[in-house]
Amino acid sequence: MGTFLRDTNYITVISRFRDCLGWSTDYAELQLTVNYNNMYSYSAAYPNPANNELIIDKIEENNTETIATNIQTTKTKQSEITVLLYSNSTTKLVYSKNYPSSAKQIKIDTSKLPNGVYYLNIIENGETIKQQTIIVNH
């Protein structure tokens, strides 16, 4: 029989043992330390002001899960991110595209956009993870 107790920094597993005489009063306790951060951040879009192209680089942060002392596994989100660009003057959506979360760099063609101010939003799993004001100036 086992019990799992979860804390924000670690998981404790408590097990009791049973033999032919019944449940033992002895138990084993193992504490697993879990450091988990599976989020990615994105650099500020550049160049800003943009002329023909806007570039956003993915910055991988701690993308590992550590259990106990020497066991380490890597998990990668297999989700998509959505990049949205809105016009400041009309609040109209002028760019929308989905990218795999594994994309190392995102490039947005701004050559056909009129000069002006735009709002960039990057969304993952329904949550806005990056916002930035962009200027397009040809």
Protein backbone atom coordinates (compact mmCIF):
# COMPACT_ATOMS: atom_id res chain seq x y z
CA MET A 1 0.00 0.00 0.00
CA GLY A 2 1.35 3.44 -0.84
CA THR A 3 0.44 7.01 -0.11
CA PHE A 4 1.51 10.03 -2.11
CA LEU A 5 1.77 13.41 -0.44
CA ARG A 6 2.39 16.32 -2.75
CA ASP A 7 4.02 19.59 -1.85
CA THR A 8 5.01 22.35 -4.25
CA ASN A 9 8.67 21.34 -4.02
CA TYR A 10 8.62 17.60 -3.50
CA ILE A 11 6.53 14.43 -3.46
CA THR A 12 6.72 12.04 -0.52
CA VAL A 13 5.88 8.36 -1.08
CA ILE A 14 5.05 6.40 2.06
CA SER A 15 4.72 2.61 1.79
CA ARG A 16 3.62 0.05 4.36
CA PHE A 17 4.39 -3.64 4.04
CA ARG A 18 2.16 -6.66 4.41
CA ASP A 19 3.12 -10.26 5.08
CA CYS A 20 1.20 -13.38 6.09
CA LEU A 21 0.62 -11.89 9.56
CA GLY A 22 -0.93 -8.69 8.27
CA TRP A 23 0.17 -5.11 7.82
CA SER A 24 3.51 -4.18 9.32
CA THR A 25 3.87 -1.15 11.54
CA ASP A 26 7.10 -0.39 9.68
CA TYR A 27 7.03 1.83 6.66
CA ALA A 28 9.42 3.24 4.10
CA GLU A 29 9.38 6.87 3.16
CA LEU A 30 10.96 8.19 -0.01
CA GLN A 31 11.02 11.83 -0.89
CA LEU A 32 11.20 12.77 -4.57
CA THR A 33 12.27 16.26 -5.45
CA VAL A 34 10.56 17.55 -8.56
CA ASN A 35 11.88 20.62 -10.32
CA TYR A 36 9.66 21.07 -13.32
CA ASN A 37 9.46 23.98 -15.67
CA ASN A 38 8.22 23.16 -19.15
CA MET A 39 7.63 26.66 -20.38
CA TYR A 40 9.39 28.49 -23.10
CA SER A 41 9.94 32.17 -23.31
CA TYR A 42 10.37 34.22 -26.42
CA SER A 43 12.80 37.01 -27.13
CA ALA A 44 11.51 40.46 -27.84
CA ALA A 45 10.51 40.63 -31.49
CA TYR A 46 13.22 42.30 -33.55
CA PRO A 47 14.02 44.47 -35.38
CA ASN A 48 11.63 46.97 -33.89
CA PRO A 49 10.74 49.05 -35.86
CA ALA A 50 10.33 46.30 -38.44
CA ASN A 51 10.80 46.92 -42.12
CA ASN A 52 10.17 43.70 -44.06
CA GLU A 53 10.38 41.00 -41.42
CA LEU A 54 9.82 40.50 -37.72
CA ILE A 55 11.77 37.74 -35.93
CA ILE A 56 11.01 36.09 -32.59
CA ASP A 57 13.45 33.57 -31.11
CA LYS A 58 12.44 30.85 -28.67
CA ILE A 59 14.51 30.73 -25.52
CA GLU A 60 14.50 27.35 -23.83
CA GLU A 61 14.52 27.60 -20.09
CA ASN A 62 14.82 24.74 -17.65
CA ASN A 63 12.96 22.02 -19.54
CA THR A 64 13.75 19.10 -17.27
CA GLU A 65 12.10 17.11 -14.56
CA THR A 66 14.38 15.95 -11.76
CA ILE A 67 13.30 13.04 -9.58
CA ALA A 68 15.31 11.88 -6.57
CA THR A 69 18.97 12.78 -6.85
CA ASN A 70 20.37 11.31 -10.05
CA ILE A 71 17.40 10.63 -12.33
CA GLN A 72 16.64 13.21 -14.96
CA THR A 73 14.18 13.10 -17.83
CA THR A 74 13.32 15.68 -20.41
CA LYS A 75 9.75 16.48 -21.37
CA THR A 76 8.79 18.60 -24.33
CA LYS A 77 5.39 20.09 -24.87
CA GLN A 78 3.89 18.93 -28.12
CA SER A 79 1.47 21.82 -28.34
CA GLU A 80 1.16 24.64 -30.80
CA ILE A 81 1.60 28.32 -30.27
CA THR A 82 -0.51 30.93 -32.00
CA VAL A 83 1.00 34.21 -33.08
CA LEU A 84 -1.42 37.12 -33.51
CA LEU A 85 -0.70 40.62 -34.75
CA TYR A 86 -3.33 43.34 -34.34
CA SER A 87 -3.39 46.78 -35.91
CA ASN A 88 -3.36 49.57 -33.35
CA SER A 89 -5.45 51.93 -35.46
CA THR A 90 -8.29 49.51 -36.26
CA THR A 91 -7.73 46.74 -33.68
CA LYS A 92 -8.14 44.41 -36.66
CA LEU A 93 -6.33 41.08 -36.70
CA VAL A 94 -3.76 41.41 -39.50
CA TYR A 95 -1.75 38.22 -38.90
CA SER A 96 -2.61 34.87 -37.36
CA LYS A 97 -0.60 31.69 -37.68
CA ASN A 98 -0.04 28.51 -35.66
CA TYR A 99 3.47 27.19 -35.14
CA PRO A 100 4.63 23.97 -33.49
CA SER A 101 6.05 24.61 -30.04
CA SER A 102 9.28 23.07 -31.29
CA ALA A 103 9.87 26.00 -33.70
CA LYS A 104 13.15 27.65 -32.72
CA GLN A 105 12.41 30.88 -34.57
CA ILE A 106 9.29 32.61 -35.86
CA LYS A 107 9.46 34.97 -38.83
CA ILE A 108 6.60 37.28 -39.76
CA ASP A 109 6.52 39.03 -43.15
CA THR A 110 5.73 42.69 -42.47
CA SER A 111 6.53 43.98 -45.96
CA LYS A 112 2.86 44.30 -46.93
CA LEU A 113 1.67 45.87 -43.69
CA PRO A 114 1.12 49.62 -43.65
CA ASN A 115 3.39 51.71 -41.45
CA GLY A 116 2.06 51.96 -37.93
CA VAL A 117 1.84 50.46 -34.48
CA TYR A 118 0.81 46.81 -33.97
CA TYR A 119 0.24 44.55 -30.99
CA LEU A 120 1.88 41.12 -30.94
CA ASN A 121 0.39 38.29 -28.87
CA ILE A 122 1.80 34.77 -28.52
CA ILE A 123 -0.69 32.28 -27.11
CA GLU A 124 -0.09 28.73 -25.89
CA ASN A 125 -2.79 26.47 -24.47
CA GLY A 126 -5.22 29.39 -24.34
CA GLU A 127 -2.85 31.54 -22.28
CA THR A 128 -1.06 34.64 -23.53
CA ILE A 129 2.63 34.06 -22.88
CA LYS A 130 4.12 37.06 -24.70
CA GLN A 131 2.84 40.54 -25.58
CA GLN A 132 4.73 43.31 -27.31
CA THR A 133 4.09 46.54 -29.15
CA ILE A 134 5.59 46.50 -32.64
CA ILE A 135 6.27 49.39 -35.01
CA VAL A 136 6.31 48.79 -38.75
CA ASN A 137 8.17 51.47 -40.69
CA HIS A 138 9.21 50.91 -44.34
